[in-house]
Amino acid sequence: IDGAGARILTDPCDPAVGYGNNGAECDAVTVSHGHHDHNWTQKCPAD
């Protein structure tokens, strides 16, 4: 999160792994590869 409030999320994890089931507030998201513990963008806002 930068000083202007811009939010980047990295490698969103499938909630089934166990680190929480809530959504993730972010403006952009980076994904390193297509495995479910790194690419679960469903938790991110649609935009």
ModelCIF file with pLDDT and N, C-alpha, C, O atoms, coordinates in Angstrom:
data_MODEL
#
_entry.id   MODEL 
#
_entity.id                         1 
_entity.type                       polymer 
_entity.pdbx_number_of_molecules   1 
#
_entity_poly.entity_id                      1 
_entity_poly.type                           'polypeptide(L)' 
_entity_poly.nstd_linkage                   no 
_entity_poly.nstd_monomer                   no 
_entity_poly.pdbx_seq_one_letter_code       IDGAGARILTDPCDPAVGYGNNGAECDAVTVSHGHHDHNWTQKCPAD 
_entity_poly.pdbx_seq_one_letter_code_can   IDGAGARILTDPCDPAVGYGNNGAECDAVTVSHGHHDHNWTQKCPAD 
_entity_poly.pdbx_strand_id                 A 
#
loop_
_entity_poly_seq.entity_id 
_entity_poly_seq.num 
_entity_poly_seq.mon_id 
_entity_poly_seq.hetero 
1 1  ILE n 
1 2  ASP n 
1 3  GLY n 
1 4  ALA n 
1 5  GLY n 
1 6  ALA n 
1 7  ARG n 
1 8  ILE n 
1 9  LEU n 
1 10 THR n 
1 11 ASP n 
1 12 PRO n 
1 13 CYS n 
1 14 ASP n 
1 15 PRO n 
1 16 ALA n 
1 17 VAL n 
1 18 GLY n 
1 19 TYR n 
1 20 GLY n 
1 21 ASN n 
1 22 ASN n 
1 23 GLY n 
1 24 ALA n 
1 25 GLU n 
1 26 CYS n 
1 27 ASP n 
1 28 ALA n 
1 29 VAL n 
1 30 THR n 
1 31 VAL n 
1 32 SER n 
1 33 HIS n 
1 34 GLY n 
1 35 HIS n 
1 36 HIS n 
1 37 ASP n 
1 38 HIS n 
1 39 ASN n 
1 40 TRP n 
1 41 THR n 
1 42 GLN n 
1 43 LYS n 
1 44 CYS n 
1 45 PRO n 
1 46 ALA n 
1 47 ASP n 
#
_struct_asym.id          A 
_struct_asym.entity_id   1 
#
loop_
_ma_qa_metric.id 
_ma_qa_metric.mode 
_ma_qa_metric.name 
_ma_qa_metric.software_group_id 
_ma_qa_metric.type 
1 global pLDDT . pLDDT 
2 local  pLDDT . pLDDT 
#
_ma_qa_metric_global.metric_id      1 
_ma_qa_metric_global.metric_value   94.72 
_ma_qa_metric_global.model_id       1 
_ma_qa_metric_global.ordinal_id     1 
#
loop_
_ma_qa_metric_local.label_asym_id 
_ma_qa_metric_local.label_comp_id 
_ma_qa_metric_local.label_seq_id 
_ma_qa_metric_local.metric_id 
_ma_qa_metric_local.metric_value 
_ma_qa_metric_local.model_id 
_ma_qa_metric_local.ordinal_id 
A ILE 1  2 97.00 1 1  
A ASP 2  2 96.00 1 2  
A GLY 3  2 94.00 1 3  
A ALA 4  2 95.00 1 4  
A GLY 5  2 96.00 1 5  
A ALA 6  2 97.00 1 6  
A ARG 7  2 97.00 1 7  
A ILE 8  2 98.00 1 8  
A LEU 9  2 98.00 1 9  
A THR 10 2 98.00 1 10 
A ASP 11 2 98.00 1 11 
A PRO 12 2 97.00 1 12 
A CYS 13 2 96.00 1 13 
A ASP 14 2 95.00 1 14 
A PRO 15 2 93.00 1 15 
A ALA 16 2 91.00 1 16 
A VAL 17 2 92.00 1 17 
A GLY 18 2 92.00 1 18 
A TYR 19 2 92.00 1 19 
A GLY 20 2 85.00 1 20 
A ASN 21 2 78.00 1 21 
A ASN 22 2 82.00 1 22 
A GLY 23 2 85.00 1 23 
A ALA 24 2 92.00 1 24 
A GLU 25 2 94.00 1 25 
A CYS 26 2 97.00 1 26 
A ASP 27 2 98.00 1 27 
A ALA 28 2 98.00 1 28 
A VAL 29 2 98.00 1 29 
A THR 30 2 98.00 1 30 
A VAL 31 2 98.00 1 31 
A SER 32 2 98.00 1 32 
A HIS 33 2 97.00 1 33 
A GLY 34 2 95.00 1 34 
A HIS 35 2 96.00 1 35 
A HIS 36 2 95.00 1 36 
A ASP 37 2 95.00 1 37 
A HIS 38 2 97.00 1 38 
A ASN 39 2 97.00 1 39 
A TRP 40 2 96.00 1 40 
A THR 41 2 97.00 1 41 
A GLN 42 2 95.00 1 42 
A LYS 43 2 94.00 1 43 
A CYS 44 2 96.00 1 44 
A PRO 45 2 96.00 1 45 
A ALA 46 2 96.00 1 46 
A ASP 47 2 97.00 1 47 
#
loop_
_atom_site.group_PDB 
_atom_site.id 
_atom_site.type_symbol 
_atom_site.label_atom_id 
_atom_site.label_alt_id 
_atom_site.label_comp_id 
_atom_site.label_asym_id 
_atom_site.label_entity_id 
_atom_site.label_seq_id 
_atom_site.pdbx_PDB_ins_code 
_atom_site.Cartn_x 
_atom_site.Cartn_y 
_atom_site.Cartn_z 
_atom_site.occupancy 
_atom_site.B_iso_or_equiv 
_atom_site.pdbx_formal_charge 
_atom_site.auth_seq_id 
_atom_site.auth_comp_id 
_atom_site.auth_asym_id 
_atom_site.auth_atom_id 
_atom_site.pdbx_PDB_model_num 
ATOM 1   N N  . ILE A 1 1  ? 0.856   -1.192  0.000   1.00 97.00 ? 1  ILE A N  1 
ATOM 2   C CA . ILE A 1 1  ? 0.000   0.000   0.000   1.00 97.00 ? 1  ILE A CA 1 
ATOM 3   C C  . ILE A 1 1  ? 0.885   1.234   0.000   1.00 97.00 ? 1  ILE A C  1 
ATOM 4   O O  . ILE A 1 1  ? 1.695   1.420   0.908   1.00 97.00 ? 1  ILE A O  1 
ATOM 5   N N  . ASP A 1 2  ? 0.735   2.081   -1.018  1.00 96.00 ? 2  ASP A N  1 
ATOM 6   C CA . ASP A 1 2  ? 1.604   3.254   -1.091  1.00 96.00 ? 2  ASP A CA 1 
ATOM 7   C C  . ASP A 1 2  ? 0.993   4.442   -0.355  1.00 96.00 ? 2  ASP A C  1 
ATOM 8   O O  . ASP A 1 2  ? -0.121  4.369   0.163   1.00 96.00 ? 2  ASP A O  1 
ATOM 9   N N  . GLY A 1 3  ? 1.746   5.529   -0.322  1.00 94.00 ? 3  GLY A N  1 
ATOM 10  C CA . GLY A 1 3  ? 1.326   6.693   0.435   1.00 94.00 ? 3  GLY A CA 1 
ATOM 11  C C  . GLY A 1 3  ? 0.051   7.333   -0.062  1.00 94.00 ? 3  GLY A C  1 
ATOM 12  O O  . GLY A 1 3  ? -0.634  8.023   0.692   1.00 94.00 ? 3  GLY A O  1 
ATOM 13  N N  . ALA A 1 4  ? -0.281  7.109   -1.338  1.00 95.00 ? 4  ALA A N  1 
ATOM 14  C CA . ALA A 1 4  ? -1.512  7.650   -1.901  1.00 95.00 ? 4  ALA A CA 1 
ATOM 15  C C  . ALA A 1 4  ? -2.698  6.711   -1.713  1.00 95.00 ? 4  ALA A C  1 
ATOM 16  O O  . ALA A 1 4  ? -3.825  7.038   -2.083  1.00 95.00 ? 4  ALA A O  1 
ATOM 17  N N  . GLY A 1 5  ? -2.431  5.526   -1.129  1.00 96.00 ? 5  GLY A N  1 
ATOM 18  C CA . GLY A 1 5  ? -3.507  4.563   -0.877  1.00 96.00 ? 5  GLY A CA 1 
ATOM 19  C C  . GLY A 1 5  ? -3.672  3.504   -1.949  1.00 96.00 ? 5  GLY A C  1 
ATOM 20  O O  . GLY A 1 5  ? -4.566  2.665   -1.838  1.00 96.00 ? 5  GLY A O  1 
ATOM 21  N N  . ALA A 1 6  ? -2.830  3.513   -3.000  1.00 97.00 ? 6  ALA A N  1 
ATOM 22  C CA . ALA A 1 6  ? -2.910  2.469   -4.025  1.00 97.00 ? 6  ALA A CA 1 
ATOM 23  C C  . ALA A 1 6  ? -2.542  1.124   -3.406  1.00 97.00 ? 6  ALA A C  1 
ATOM 24  O O  . ALA A 1 6  ? -1.581  1.030   -2.642  1.00 97.00 ? 6  ALA A O  1 
ATOM 25  N N  . ARG A 1 7  ? -3.316  0.074   -3.739  1.00 97.00 ? 7  ARG A N  1 
ATOM 26  C CA . ARG A 1 7  ? -3.155  -1.231  -3.100  1.00 97.00 ? 7  ARG A CA 1 
ATOM 27  C C  . ARG A 1 7  ? -2.888  -2.314  -4.135  1.00 97.00 ? 7  ARG A C  1 
ATOM 28  O O  . ARG A 1 7  ? -3.678  -2.525  -5.055  1.00 97.00 ? 7  ARG A O  1 
ATOM 29  N N  . ILE A 1 8  ? -1.762  -2.994  -3.966  1.00 98.00 ? 8  ILE A N  1 
ATOM 30  C CA . ILE A 1 8  ? -1.437  -4.136  -4.808  1.00 98.00 ? 8  ILE A CA 1 
ATOM 31  C C  . ILE A 1 8  ? -1.435  -5.384  -3.947  1.00 98.00 ? 8  ILE A C  1 
ATOM 32  O O  . ILE A 1 8  ? -0.873  -5.386  -2.852  1.00 98.00 ? 8  ILE A O  1 
ATOM 33  N N  . LEU A 1 9  ? -2.063  -6.449  -4.439  1.00 98.00 ? 9  LEU A N  1 
ATOM 34  C CA . LEU A 1 9  ? -2.058  -7.747  -3.775  1.00 98.00 ? 9  LEU A CA 1 
ATOM 35  C C  . LEU A 1 9  ? -1.183  -8.695  -4.584  1.00 98.00 ? 9  LEU A C  1 
ATOM 36  O O  . LEU A 1 9  ? -1.225  -8.681  -5.814  1.00 98.00 ? 9  LEU A O  1 
ATOM 37  N N  . THR A 1 10 ? -0.389  -9.518  -3.901  1.00 98.00 ? 10 THR A N  1 
ATOM 38  C CA . THR A 1 10 ? 0.466   -10.480 -4.603  1.00 98.00 ? 10 THR A CA 1 
ATOM 39  C C  . THR A 1 10 ? -0.028  -11.903 -4.379  1.00 98.00 ? 10 THR A C  1 
ATOM 40  O O  . THR A 1 10 ? -0.399  -12.269 -3.265  1.00 98.00 ? 10 THR A O  1 
ATOM 41  N N  . ASP A 1 11 ? -0.030  -12.689 -5.425  1.00 98.00 ? 11 ASP A N  1 
ATOM 42  C CA . ASP A 1 11 ? -0.313  -14.130 -5.375  1.00 98.00 ? 11 ASP A CA 1 
ATOM 43  C C  . ASP A 1 11 ? -1.444  -14.495 -4.407  1.00 98.00 ? 11 ASP A C  1 
ATOM 44  O O  . ASP A 1 11 ? -1.198  -15.142 -3.389  1.00 98.00 ? 11 ASP A O  1 
ATOM 45  N N  . PRO A 1 12 ? -2.667  -14.092 -4.712  1.00 97.00 ? 12 PRO A N  1 
ATOM 46  C CA . PRO A 1 12 ? -3.789  -14.403 -3.818  1.00 97.00 ? 12 PRO A CA 1 
ATOM 47  C C  . PRO A 1 12 ? -3.992  -15.907 -3.668  1.00 97.00 ? 12 PRO A C  1 
ATOM 48  O O  . PRO A 1 12 ? -3.987  -16.651 -4.648  1.00 97.00 ? 12 PRO A O  1 
ATOM 49  N N  . CYS A 1 13 ? -4.169  -16.334 -2.434  1.00 96.00 ? 13 CYS A N  1 
ATOM 50  C CA . CYS A 1 13 ? -4.194  -17.754 -2.092  1.00 96.00 ? 13 CYS A CA 1 
ATOM 51  C C  . CYS A 1 13 ? -5.638  -18.257 -1.979  1.00 96.00 ? 13 CYS A C  1 
ATOM 52  O O  . CYS A 1 13 ? -6.494  -17.574 -1.418  1.00 96.00 ? 13 CYS A O  1 
ATOM 53  N N  . ASP A 1 14 ? -5.896  -19.429 -2.505  1.00 95.00 ? 14 ASP A N  1 
ATOM 54  C CA . ASP A 1 14 ? -7.184  -20.100 -2.357  1.00 95.00 ? 14 ASP A CA 1 
ATOM 55  C C  . ASP A 1 14 ? -7.521  -20.199 -0.865  1.00 95.00 ? 14 ASP A C  1 
ATOM 56  O O  . ASP A 1 14 ? -6.720  -20.737 -0.101  1.00 95.00 ? 14 ASP A O  1 
ATOM 57  N N  . PRO A 1 15 ? -8.675  -19.701 -0.430  1.00 93.00 ? 15 PRO A N  1 
ATOM 58  C CA . PRO A 1 15 ? -9.036  -19.788 0.983   1.00 93.00 ? 15 PRO A CA 1 
ATOM 59  C C  . PRO A 1 15 ? -9.031  -21.219 1.519   1.00 93.00 ? 15 PRO A C  1 
ATOM 60  O O  . PRO A 1 15 ? -8.888  -21.425 2.724   1.00 93.00 ? 15 PRO A O  1 
ATOM 61  N N  . ALA A 1 16 ? -9.185  -22.214 0.633   1.00 91.00 ? 16 ALA A N  1 
ATOM 62  C CA . ALA A 1 16 ? -9.189  -23.612 1.071   1.00 91.00 ? 16 ALA A CA 1 
ATOM 63  C C  . ALA A 1 16 ? -7.861  -24.020 1.693   1.00 91.00 ? 16 ALA A C  1 
ATOM 64  O O  . ALA A 1 16 ? -7.803  -24.989 2.450   1.00 91.00 ? 16 ALA A O  1 
ATOM 65  N N  . VAL A 1 17 ? -6.790  -23.289 1.380   1.00 92.00 ? 17 VAL A N  1 
ATOM 66  C CA . VAL A 1 17 ? -5.492  -23.583 1.984   1.00 92.00 ? 17 VAL A CA 1 
ATOM 67  C C  . VAL A 1 17 ? -5.534  -23.339 3.488   1.00 92.00 ? 17 VAL A C  1 
ATOM 68  O O  . VAL A 1 17 ? -4.839  -24.010 4.251   1.00 92.00 ? 17 VAL A O  1 
ATOM 69  N N  . GLY A 1 18 ? -6.367  -22.358 3.917   1.00 92.00 ? 18 GLY A N  1 
ATOM 70  C CA . GLY A 1 18 ? -6.549  -22.166 5.344   1.00 92.00 ? 18 GLY A CA 1 
ATOM 71  C C  . GLY A 1 18 ? -6.169  -20.819 5.902   1.00 92.00 ? 18 GLY A C  1 
ATOM 72  O O  . GLY A 1 18 ? -6.218  -20.627 7.117   1.00 92.00 ? 18 GLY A O  1 
ATOM 73  N N  . TYR A 1 19 ? -5.789  -19.871 5.051   1.00 92.00 ? 19 TYR A N  1 
ATOM 74  C CA . TYR A 1 19 ? -5.369  -18.556 5.545   1.00 92.00 ? 19 TYR A CA 1 
ATOM 75  C C  . TYR A 1 19 ? -6.492  -17.522 5.560   1.00 92.00 ? 19 TYR A C  1 
ATOM 76  O O  . TYR A 1 19 ? -6.227  -16.320 5.516   1.00 92.00 ? 19 TYR A O  1 
ATOM 77  N N  . GLY A 1 20 ? -7.718  -17.969 5.619   1.00 85.00 ? 20 GLY A N  1 
ATOM 78  C CA . GLY A 1 20 ? -8.834  -17.032 5.722   1.00 85.00 ? 20 GLY A CA 1 
ATOM 79  C C  . GLY A 1 20 ? -9.715  -17.062 4.485   1.00 85.00 ? 20 GLY A C  1 
ATOM 80  O O  . GLY A 1 20 ? -9.246  -17.314 3.375   1.00 85.00 ? 20 GLY A O  1 
ATOM 81  N N  . ASN A 1 21 ? -11.010 -16.798 4.697   1.00 78.00 ? 21 ASN A N  1 
ATOM 82  C CA . ASN A 1 21 ? -11.998 -16.882 3.623   1.00 78.00 ? 21 ASN A CA 1 
ATOM 83  C C  . ASN A 1 21 ? -12.546 -15.541 3.191   1.00 78.00 ? 21 ASN A C  1 
ATOM 84  O O  . ASN A 1 21 ? -13.423 -15.484 2.329   1.00 78.00 ? 21 ASN A O  1 
ATOM 85  N N  . ASN A 1 22 ? -12.048 -14.457 3.773   1.00 82.00 ? 22 ASN A N  1 
ATOM 86  C CA . ASN A 1 22 ? -12.581 -13.143 3.448   1.00 82.00 ? 22 ASN A CA 1 
ATOM 87  C C  . ASN A 1 22 ? -12.034 -12.612 2.128   1.00 82.00 ? 22 ASN A C  1 
ATOM 88  O O  . ASN A 1 22 ? -11.014 -13.084 1.626   1.00 82.00 ? 22 ASN A O  1 
ATOM 89  N N  . GLY A 1 23 ? -12.728 -11.625 1.580   1.00 85.00 ? 23 GLY A N  1 
ATOM 90  C CA . GLY A 1 23 ? -12.271 -10.987 0.358   1.00 85.00 ? 23 GLY A CA 1 
ATOM 91  C C  . GLY A 1 23 ? -11.028 -10.157 0.596   1.00 85.00 ? 23 GLY A C  1 
ATOM 92  O O  . GLY A 1 23 ? -10.655 -9.886  1.737   1.00 85.00 ? 23 GLY A O  1 
ATOM 93  N N  . ALA A 1 24 ? -10.396 -9.759  -0.481  1.00 92.00 ? 24 ALA A N  1 
ATOM 94  C CA . ALA A 1 24 ? -9.140  -9.009  -0.403  1.00 92.00 ? 24 ALA A CA 1 
ATOM 95  C C  . ALA A 1 24 ? -9.299  -7.681  -1.131  1.00 92.00 ? 24 ALA A C  1 
ATOM 96  O O  . ALA A 1 24 ? -9.440  -7.659  -2.353  1.00 92.00 ? 24 ALA A O  1 
ATOM 97  N N  . GLU A 1 25 ? -9.279  -6.577  -0.396  1.00 94.00 ? 25 GLU A N  1 
ATOM 98  C CA . GLU A 1 25 ? -9.387  -5.264  -1.014  1.00 94.00 ? 25 GLU A CA 1 
ATOM 99  C C  . GLU A 1 25 ? -8.080  -4.918  -1.709  1.00 94.00 ? 25 GLU A C  1 
ATOM 100 O O  . GLU A 1 25 ? -7.021  -4.924  -1.081  1.00 94.00 ? 25 GLU A O  1 
ATOM 101 N N  . CYS A 1 26 ? -8.146  -4.616  -2.996  1.00 97.00 ? 26 CYS A N  1 
ATOM 102 C CA . CYS A 1 26 ? -6.956  -4.228  -3.755  1.00 97.00 ? 26 CYS A CA 1 
ATOM 103 C C  . CYS A 1 26 ? -7.398  -3.523  -5.027  1.00 97.00 ? 26 CYS A C  1 
ATOM 104 O O  . CYS A 1 26 ? -8.542  -3.645  -5.464  1.00 97.00 ? 26 CYS A O  1 
ATOM 105 N N  . ASP A 1 27 ? -6.460  -2.779  -5.611  1.00 98.00 ? 27 ASP A N  1 
ATOM 106 C CA . ASP A 1 27 ? -6.708  -2.116  -6.891  1.00 98.00 ? 27 ASP A CA 1 
ATOM 107 C C  . ASP A 1 27 ? -6.076  -2.885  -8.046  1.00 98.00 ? 27 ASP A C  1 
ATOM 108 O O  . ASP A 1 27 ? -6.536  -2.798  -9.184  1.00 98.00 ? 27 ASP A O  1 
ATOM 109 N N  . ALA A 1 28 ? -5.018  -3.638  -7.747  1.00 98.00 ? 28 ALA A N  1 
ATOM 110 C CA . ALA A 1 28 ? -4.340  -4.466  -8.742  1.00 98.00 ? 28 ALA A CA 1 
ATOM 111 C C  . ALA A 1 28 ? -3.799  -5.695  -8.031  1.00 98.00 ? 28 ALA A C  1 
ATOM 112 O O  . ALA A 1 28 ? -3.575  -5.677  -6.821  1.00 98.00 ? 28 ALA A O  1 
ATOM 113 N N  . VAL A 1 29 ? -3.591  -6.765  -8.792  1.00 98.00 ? 29 VAL A N  1 
ATOM 114 C CA . VAL A 1 29 ? -3.116  -8.018  -8.216  1.00 98.00 ? 29 VAL A CA 1 
ATOM 115 C C  . VAL A 1 29 ? -2.110  -8.658  -9.165  1.00 98.00 ? 29 VAL A C  1 
ATOM 116 O O  . VAL A 1 29 ? -2.351  -8.740  -10.369 1.00 98.00 ? 29 VAL A O  1 
ATOM 117 N N  . THR A 1 30 ? -0.983  -9.112  -8.623  1.00 98.00 ? 30 THR A N  1 
ATOM 118 C CA . THR A 1 30 ? 0.003   -9.823  -9.432  1.00 98.00 ? 30 THR A CA 1 
ATOM 119 C C  . THR A 1 30 ? -0.130  -11.322 -9.175  1.00 98.00 ? 30 THR A C  1 
ATOM 120 O O  . THR A 1 30 ? -0.395  -11.758 -8.054  1.00 98.00 ? 30 THR A O  1 
ATOM 121 N N  . VAL A 1 31 ? 0.060   -12.098 -10.241 1.00 98.00 ? 31 VAL A N  1 
ATOM 122 C CA . VAL A 1 31 ? -0.068  -13.561 -10.174 1.00 98.00 ? 31 VAL A CA 1 
ATOM 123 C C  . VAL A 1 31 ? 1.175   -14.178 -10.796 1.00 98.00 ? 31 VAL A C  1 
ATOM 124 O O  . VAL A 1 31 ? 1.485   -13.920 -11.959 1.00 98.00 ? 31 VAL A O  1 
ATOM 125 N N  . SER A 1 32 ? 1.883   -14.990 -10.027 1.00 98.00 ? 32 SER A N  1 
ATOM 126 C CA . SER A 1 32 ? 3.145   -15.548 -10.510 1.00 98.00 ? 32 SER A CA 1 
ATOM 127 C C  . SER A 1 32 ? 2.958   -16.775 -11.398 1.00 98.00 ? 32 SER A C  1 
ATOM 128 O O  . SER A 1 32 ? 3.762   -17.016 -12.298 1.00 98.00 ? 32 SER A O  1 
ATOM 129 N N  . HIS A 1 33 ? 1.907   -17.548 -11.154 1.00 97.00 ? 33 HIS A N  1 
ATOM 130 C CA . HIS A 1 33 ? 1.657   -18.741 -11.956 1.00 97.00 ? 33 HIS A CA 1 
ATOM 131 C C  . HIS A 1 33 ? 0.260   -19.259 -11.663 1.00 97.00 ? 33 HIS A C  1 
ATOM 132 O O  . HIS A 1 33 ? -0.436  -18.721 -10.802 1.00 97.00 ? 33 HIS A O  1 
ATOM 133 N N  . GLY A 1 34 ? -0.155  -20.298 -12.374 1.00 95.00 ? 34 GLY A N  1 
ATOM 134 C CA . GLY A 1 34 ? -1.550  -20.711 -12.359 1.00 95.00 ? 34 GLY A CA 1 
ATOM 135 C C  . GLY A 1 34 ? -1.953  -21.740 -11.334 1.00 95.00 ? 34 GLY A C  1 
ATOM 136 O O  . GLY A 1 34 ? -2.942  -22.440 -11.554 1.00 95.00 ? 34 GLY A O  1 
ATOM 137 N N  . HIS A 1 35 ? -1.253  -21.875 -10.231 1.00 96.00 ? 35 HIS A N  1 
ATOM 138 C CA . HIS A 1 35 ? -1.657  -22.815 -9.190  1.00 96.00 ? 35 HIS A CA 1 
ATOM 139 C C  . HIS A 1 35 ? -2.600  -22.131 -8.204  1.00 96.00 ? 35 HIS A C  1 
ATOM 140 O O  . HIS A 1 35 ? -2.477  -20.933 -7.948  1.00 96.00 ? 35 HIS A O  1 
ATOM 141 N N  . HIS A 1 36 ? -3.544  -22.899 -7.649  1.00 95.00 ? 36 HIS A N  1 
ATOM 142 C CA . HIS A 1 36 ? -4.648  -22.317 -6.883  1.00 95.00 ? 36 HIS A CA 1 
ATOM 143 C C  . HIS A 1 36 ? -4.211  -21.583 -5.615  1.00 95.00 ? 36 HIS A C  1 
ATOM 144 O O  . HIS A 1 36 ? -4.939  -20.728 -5.111  1.00 95.00 ? 36 HIS A O  1 
ATOM 145 N N  . ASP A 1 37 ? -3.037  -21.912 -5.102  1.00 95.00 ? 37 ASP A N  1 
ATOM 146 C CA . ASP A 1 37 ? -2.561  -21.220 -3.902  1.00 95.00 ? 37 ASP A CA 1 
ATOM 147 C C  . ASP A 1 37 ? -1.810  -19.931 -4.241  1.00 95.00 ? 37 ASP A C  1 
ATOM 148 O O  . ASP A 1 37 ? -1.189  -19.320 -3.371  1.00 95.00 ? 37 ASP A O  1 
ATOM 149 N N  . HIS A 1 38 ? -1.870  -19.520 -5.522  1.00 97.00 ? 38 HIS A N  1 
ATOM 150 C CA . HIS A 1 38 ? -1.204  -18.289 -5.953  1.00 97.00 ? 38 HIS A CA 1 
ATOM 151 C C  . HIS A 1 38 ? -2.044  -17.448 -6.920  1.00 97.00 ? 38 HIS A C  1 
ATOM 152 O O  . HIS A 1 38 ? -1.677  -16.308 -7.205  1.00 97.00 ? 38 HIS A O  1 
ATOM 153 N N  . ASN A 1 39 ? -3.151  -17.975 -7.427  1.00 97.00 ? 39 ASN A N  1 
ATOM 154 C CA . ASN A 1 39 ? -3.886  -17.259 -8.478  1.00 97.00 ? 39 ASN A CA 1 
ATOM 155 C C  . ASN A 1 39 ? -5.372  -17.098 -8.175  1.00 97.00 ? 39 ASN A C  1 
ATOM 156 O O  . ASN A 1 39 ? -6.181  -16.979 -9.096  1.00 97.00 ? 39 ASN A O  1 
ATOM 157 N N  . TRP A 1 40 ? -5.742  -17.094 -6.886  1.00 96.00 ? 40 TRP A N  1 
ATOM 158 C CA . TRP A 1 40 ? -7.160  -17.091 -6.526  1.00 96.00 ? 40 TRP A CA 1 
ATOM 159 C C  . TRP A 1 40 ? -7.711  -15.666 -6.570  1.00 96.00 ? 40 TRP A C  1 
ATOM 160 O O  . TRP A 1 40 ? -8.035  -15.077 -5.538  1.00 96.00 ? 40 TRP A O  1 
ATOM 161 N N  . THR A 1 41 ? -7.811  -15.123 -7.788  1.00 97.00 ? 41 THR A N  1 
ATOM 162 C CA . THR A 1 41 ? -8.251  -13.735 -7.942  1.00 97.00 ? 41 THR A CA 1 
ATOM 163 C C  . THR A 1 41 ? -9.738  -13.556 -7.640  1.00 97.00 ? 41 THR A C  1 
ATOM 164 O O  . THR A 1 41 ? -10.227 -12.427 -7.593  1.00 97.00 ? 41 THR A O  1 
ATOM 165 N N  . GLN A 1 42 ? -10.450 -14.643 -7.438  1.00 95.00 ? 42 GLN A N  1 
ATOM 166 C CA . GLN A 1 42 ? -11.877 -14.550 -7.074  1.00 95.00 ? 42 GLN A CA 1 
ATOM 167 C C  . GLN A 1 42 ? -12.088 -13.778 -5.781  1.00 95.00 ? 42 GLN A C  1 
ATOM 168 O O  . GLN A 1 42 ? -13.163 -13.221 -5.558  1.00 95.00 ? 42 GLN A O  1 
ATOM 169 N N  . LYS A 1 43 ? -11.061 -13.739 -4.919  1.00 94.00 ? 43 LYS A N  1 
ATOM 170 C CA . LYS A 1 43 ? -11.211 -13.014 -3.658  1.00 94.00 ? 43 LYS A CA 1 
ATOM 171 C C  . LYS A 1 43 ? -11.044 -11.503 -3.827  1.00 94.00 ? 43 LYS A C  1 
ATOM 172 O O  . LYS A 1 43 ? -11.289 -10.739 -2.894  1.00 94.00 ? 43 LYS A O  1 
ATOM 173 N N  . CYS A 1 44 ? -10.626 -11.078 -5.018  1.00 96.00 ? 44 CYS A N  1 
ATOM 174 C CA . CYS A 1 44 ? -10.356 -9.657  -5.283  1.00 96.00 ? 44 CYS A CA 1 
ATOM 175 C C  . CYS A 1 44 ? -11.597 -8.972  -5.854  1.00 96.00 ? 44 CYS A C  1 
ATOM 176 O O  . CYS A 1 44 ? -12.474 -9.648  -6.393  1.00 96.00 ? 44 CYS A O  1 
ATOM 177 N N  . PRO A 1 45 ? -11.688 -7.651  -5.747  1.00 96.00 ? 45 PRO A N  1 
ATOM 178 C CA . PRO A 1 45 ? -12.802 -6.931  -6.368  1.00 96.00 ? 45 PRO A CA 1 
ATOM 179 C C  . PRO A 1 45 ? -12.841 -7.179  -7.874  1.00 96.00 ? 45 PRO A C  1 
ATOM 180 O O  . PRO A 1 45 ? -11.809 -7.411  -8.503  1.00 96.00 ? 45 PRO A O  1 
ATOM 181 N N  . ALA A 1 46 ? -14.023 -7.129  -8.431  1.00 96.00 ? 46 ALA A N  1 
ATOM 182 C CA . ALA A 1 46 ? -14.188 -7.432  -9.854  1.00 96.00 ? 46 ALA A CA 1 
ATOM 183 C C  . ALA A 1 46 ? -13.419 -6.479  -10.748 1.00 96.00 ? 46 ALA A C  1 
ATOM 184 O O  . ALA A 1 46 ? -13.019 -6.846  -11.853 1.00 96.00 ? 46 ALA A O  1 
ATOM 185 N N  . ASP A 1 47 ? -13.206 -5.240  -10.272 1.00 97.00 ? 47 ASP A N  1 
ATOM 186 C CA . ASP A 1 47 ? -12.514 -4.258  -11.106 1.00 97.00 ? 47 ASP A CA 1 
ATOM 187 C C  . ASP A 1 47 ? -11.007 -4.194  -10.841 1.00 97.00 ? 47 ASP A C  1 
ATOM 188 O O  . ASP A 1 47 ? -10.302 -3.409  -11.475 1.00 97.00 ? 47 ASP A O  1 
#
